Structures are given as C-alpha cells and as structure tokens.
C-alpha cells in the first residue's frame, strides 16, 4: 500500500506540474485535489480487492465492483466540483488531474495486489 501511495504522490506532482505549465496557476488546485482524490480512491479499491484475489470468482467480482463504484464516485465528484465552483475547478485541468493519476495507477493495479 505504501508503494501505491508513493506512486500516487509522484504522479500527482508530475501531473500538477504539467498542468501548471500548460494552463497556469489556476490548474494547480484541481491537479493537487483530484490527483490526491485519485490516489485515495485507487488505494481504497486495491484494499477492497486484495482479500478476494484468490477467492471464488463471485467474491472477486463483488470486490472488483466496489472499486469500480469508487472510481465512478470520483467522476461524480468531478462533475459536482466543476458545476459548483468552476473558478477553482476548470473542466479540462480538473479532468486531467483526476485521470492523469488514476489511469496509470489503474494500469499498475496488479502490481499493488501482491
């Protein structure tokens, strides 16, 4: 779990720096907030799935669904943030902050399940 959080922190820093260079100072807040959110969501998804990795398929799918639900909750939080406070959370930097951290962590999820 420590490796996942460290990877998420590094990715959040890289994505936020890229957003700052591309969009300016206004992109720093969504990069940090949604990068951190993506790291937390991925950590919770891995923690939910880990006990079911070697369980029967039904239990595995149930735990996998919890992780997918958490990721979709992150998408809903993105929508709420953009609609409620577009000044602090412009759509493109906010989406890139979330997806720029979540997708790489998702692709490496199997490494964190060991």
C-alpha atoms as a PDB file:
ATOM      1  CA  UNK A   1       0.000   0.000   0.000  1.00  0.00           C
ATOM      2  CA  UNK A   2       2.903   2.357   0.735  1.00  0.00           C
ATOM      3  CA  UNK A   3       4.205   1.872  -2.817  1.00  0.00           C
ATOM      4  CA  UNK A   4       0.794   2.780  -4.249  1.00  0.00           C
ATOM      5  CA  UNK A   5       0.566   5.940  -2.171  1.00  0.00           C
ATOM      6  CA  UNK A   6       4.123   6.909  -3.110  1.00  0.00           C
ATOM      7  CA  UNK A   7       3.408   6.312  -6.795  1.00  0.00           C
ATOM      8  CA  UNK A   8       0.216   8.359  -6.486  1.00  0.00           C
ATOM      9  CA  UNK A   9       2.081  11.219  -4.816  1.00  0.00           C
ATOM     10  CA  UNK A  10       4.738  11.228  -7.539  1.00  0.00           C
ATOM     11  CA  UNK A  11       2.095  11.098 -10.276  1.00  0.00           C
ATOM     12  CA  UNK A  12       0.136  13.899  -8.613  1.00  0.00           C
ATOM     13  CA  UNK A  13       3.261  16.042  -8.552  1.00  0.00           C
ATOM     14  CA  UNK A  14       4.086  15.302 -12.193  1.00  0.00           C
ATOM     15  CA  UNK A  15       0.538  15.869 -13.423  1.00  0.00           C
ATOM     16  CA  UNK A  16       0.154  19.064 -11.404  1.00  0.00           C
ATOM     17  CA  UNK A  17       3.443  20.387 -12.763  1.00  0.00           C
ATOM     18  CA  UNK A  18       2.360  19.589 -16.319  1.00  0.00           C
ATOM     19  CA  UNK A  19      -0.999  21.274 -15.707  1.00  0.00           C
ATOM     20  CA  UNK A  20       0.720  24.351 -14.272  1.00  0.00           C
ATOM     21  CA  UNK A  21       2.984  24.590 -17.316  1.00  0.00           C
ATOM     22  CA  UNK A  22       0.089  24.113 -19.735  1.00  0.00           C
ATOM     23  CA  UNK A  23      -2.694  26.115 -18.038  1.00  0.00           C
ATOM     24  CA  UNK A  24      -1.027  28.360 -15.476  1.00  0.00           C
ATOM     25  CA  UNK A  25      -1.567  28.785 -11.744  1.00  0.00           C
ATOM     26  CA  UNK A  26      -5.318  28.159 -11.961  1.00  0.00           C
ATOM     27  CA  UNK A  27      -4.633  24.490 -12.747  1.00  0.00           C
ATOM     28  CA  UNK A  28      -2.616  23.774  -9.595  1.00  0.00           C
ATOM     29  CA  UNK A  29      -5.582  23.380  -7.229  1.00  0.00           C
ATOM     30  CA  UNK A  30      -7.509  20.900  -9.410  1.00  0.00           C
ATOM     31  CA  UNK A  31      -4.298  18.978 -10.108  1.00  0.00           C
ATOM     32  CA  UNK A  32      -3.469  18.555  -6.436  1.00  0.00           C
ATOM     33  CA  UNK A  33      -7.032  17.960  -5.233  1.00  0.00           C
ATOM     34  CA  UNK A  34      -8.085  15.480  -7.899  1.00  0.00           C
ATOM     35  CA  UNK A  35      -4.684  13.788  -8.065  1.00  0.00           C
ATOM     36  CA  UNK A  36      -4.891  13.174  -4.327  1.00  0.00           C
ATOM     37  CA  UNK A  37      -8.500  12.027  -4.679  1.00  0.00           C
ATOM     38  CA  UNK A  38      -7.499   9.577  -7.431  1.00  0.00           C
ATOM     39  CA  UNK A  39      -4.696   8.204  -5.251  1.00  0.00           C
ATOM     40  CA  UNK A  40      -7.068   7.691  -2.329  1.00  0.00           C
ATOM     41  CA  UNK A  41      -9.714   6.068  -4.497  1.00  0.00           C
ATOM     42  CA  UNK A  42      -7.204   3.708  -6.086  1.00  0.00           C
ATOM     43  CA  UNK A  43      -5.806   2.841  -2.656  1.00  0.00           C
ATOM     44  CA  UNK A  44      -9.280   2.037  -1.358  1.00  0.00           C
ATOM     45  CA  UNK A  45     -10.075  -0.006  -4.481  1.00  0.00           C
ATOM     46  CA  UNK A  46      -6.899  -2.073  -4.104  1.00  0.00           C
ATOM     47  CA  UNK A  47      -7.583  -2.560  -0.385  1.00  0.00           C
ATOM     48  CA  UNK A  48     -11.095  -3.765  -1.179  1.00  0.00           C
ATOM     49  CA  UNK A  49      -9.924  -6.156  -3.898  1.00  0.00           C
ATOM     50  CA  UNK A  50      -6.825  -7.612  -2.211  1.00  0.00           C
ATOM     51  CA  UNK A  51      -8.649 -10.055   0.141  1.00  0.00           C
ATOM     52  CA  UNK A  52     -10.645 -11.508  -2.773  1.00  0.00           C
ATOM     53  CA  UNK A  53      -7.817 -12.107  -5.253  1.00  0.00           C
ATOM     54  CA  UNK A  54      -7.634 -15.843  -4.516  1.00  0.00           C
ATOM     55  CA  UNK A  55     -11.307 -16.264  -3.618  1.00  0.00           C
ATOM     56  CA  UNK A  56     -14.089 -17.694  -5.795  1.00  0.00           C
ATOM     57  CA  UNK A  57     -14.985 -15.635  -8.843  1.00  0.00           C
ATOM     58  CA  UNK A  58     -18.239 -14.302  -7.338  1.00  0.00           C
ATOM     59  CA  UNK A  59     -16.403 -12.761  -4.377  1.00  0.00           C
ATOM     60  CA  UNK A  60     -13.708 -11.379  -6.655  1.00  0.00           C
ATOM     61  CA  UNK A  61     -16.264  -9.677  -8.904  1.00  0.00           C
ATOM     62  CA  UNK A  62     -18.138  -8.276  -5.912  1.00  0.00           C
ATOM     63  CA  UNK A  63     -14.943  -6.688  -4.554  1.00  0.00           C
ATOM     64  CA  UNK A  64     -13.909  -5.514  -8.019  1.00  0.00           C
ATOM     65  CA  UNK A  65     -17.310  -3.823  -8.348  1.00  0.00           C
ATOM     66  CA  UNK A  66     -16.667  -1.892  -5.147  1.00  0.00           C
ATOM     67  CA  UNK A  67     -13.518  -0.449  -6.710  1.00  0.00           C
ATOM     68  CA  UNK A  68     -15.326   0.470  -9.904  1.00  0.00           C
ATOM     69  CA  UNK A  69     -18.050   2.151  -7.851  1.00  0.00           C
ATOM     70  CA  UNK A  70     -15.428   4.199  -6.027  1.00  0.00           C
ATOM     71  CA  UNK A  71     -13.890   5.283  -9.332  1.00  0.00           C
ATOM     72  CA  UNK A  72     -17.314   6.328 -10.631  1.00  0.00           C
ATOM     73  CA  UNK A  73     -17.891   8.263  -7.406  1.00  0.00           C
ATOM     74  CA  UNK A  74     -14.710  10.154  -8.285  1.00  0.00           C
ATOM     75  CA  UNK A  75     -16.197  11.008 -11.666  1.00  0.00           C
ATOM     76  CA  UNK A  76     -19.329  12.265  -9.943  1.00  0.00           C
ATOM     77  CA  UNK A  77     -17.205  14.407  -7.601  1.00  0.00           C
ATOM     78  CA  UNK A  78     -15.507  15.833 -10.692  1.00  0.00           C
ATOM     79  CA  UNK A  79     -18.900  16.845 -12.118  1.00  0.00           C
ATOM     80  CA  UNK A  80     -20.006  18.378  -8.826  1.00  0.00           C
ATOM     81  CA  UNK A  81     -16.753  20.334  -8.436  1.00  0.00           C
ATOM     82  CA  UNK A  82     -16.906  21.715 -11.974  1.00  0.00           C
ATOM     83  CA  UNK A  83     -20.585  22.673 -11.710  1.00  0.00           C
ATOM     84  CA  UNK A  84     -20.396  24.180  -8.216  1.00  0.00           C
ATOM     85  CA  UNK A  85     -17.048  26.011  -8.432  1.00  0.00           C
ATOM     86  CA  UNK A  86     -15.811  26.363 -11.983  1.00  0.00           C
ATOM     87  CA  UNK A  87     -13.471  29.154 -10.898  1.00  0.00           C
ATOM     88  CA  UNK A  88     -11.359  26.791  -8.802  1.00  0.00           C
ATOM     89  CA  UNK A  89     -12.050  23.651 -10.856  1.00  0.00           C
ATOM     90  CA  UNK A  90     -11.971  24.394 -14.593  1.00  0.00           C
ATOM     91  CA  UNK A  91     -13.148  21.310 -16.516  1.00  0.00           C
ATOM     92  CA  UNK A  92     -10.068  20.301 -18.516  1.00  0.00           C
ATOM     93  CA  UNK A  93      -7.397  20.698 -15.811  1.00  0.00           C
ATOM     94  CA  UNK A  94      -9.686  19.024 -13.281  1.00  0.00           C
ATOM     95  CA  UNK A  95     -10.347  16.041 -15.557  1.00  0.00           C
ATOM     96  CA  UNK A  96      -6.662  15.730 -16.408  1.00  0.00           C
ATOM     97  CA  UNK A  97      -5.752  15.919 -12.724  1.00  0.00           C
ATOM     98  CA  UNK A  98      -8.073  13.019 -11.931  1.00  0.00           C
ATOM     99  CA  UNK A  99      -7.459  10.821 -14.960  1.00  0.00           C
ATOM    100  CA  UNK A 100      -3.752  11.614 -15.208  1.00  0.00           C
ATOM    101  CA  UNK A 101      -3.221   9.953 -11.837  1.00  0.00           C
ATOM    102  CA  UNK A 102      -5.989   7.337 -11.795  1.00  0.00           C
ATOM    103  CA  UNK A 103      -5.324   5.715 -15.176  1.00  0.00           C
ATOM    104  CA  UNK A 104      -1.605   4.994 -14.640  1.00  0.00           C
ATOM    105  CA  UNK A 105      -2.370   3.634 -11.155  1.00  0.00           C
ATOM    106  CA  UNK A 106      -5.142   1.509 -12.621  1.00  0.00           C
ATOM    107  CA  UNK A 107      -2.788   0.006 -15.197  1.00  0.00           C
ATOM    108  CA  UNK A 108      -0.342  -0.944 -12.439  1.00  0.00           C
ATOM    109  CA  UNK A 109      -3.035  -2.247 -10.080  1.00  0.00           C
ATOM    110  CA  UNK A 110      -1.957  -5.876 -10.402  1.00  0.00           C
ATOM    111  CA  UNK A 111       1.496  -4.993  -9.055  1.00  0.00           C
ATOM    112  CA  UNK A 112      -0.060  -3.480  -5.956  1.00  0.00           C
ATOM    113  CA  UNK A 113      -2.249  -6.535  -5.320  1.00  0.00           C
ATOM    114  CA  UNK A 114       0.756  -8.734  -4.487  1.00  0.00           C
END
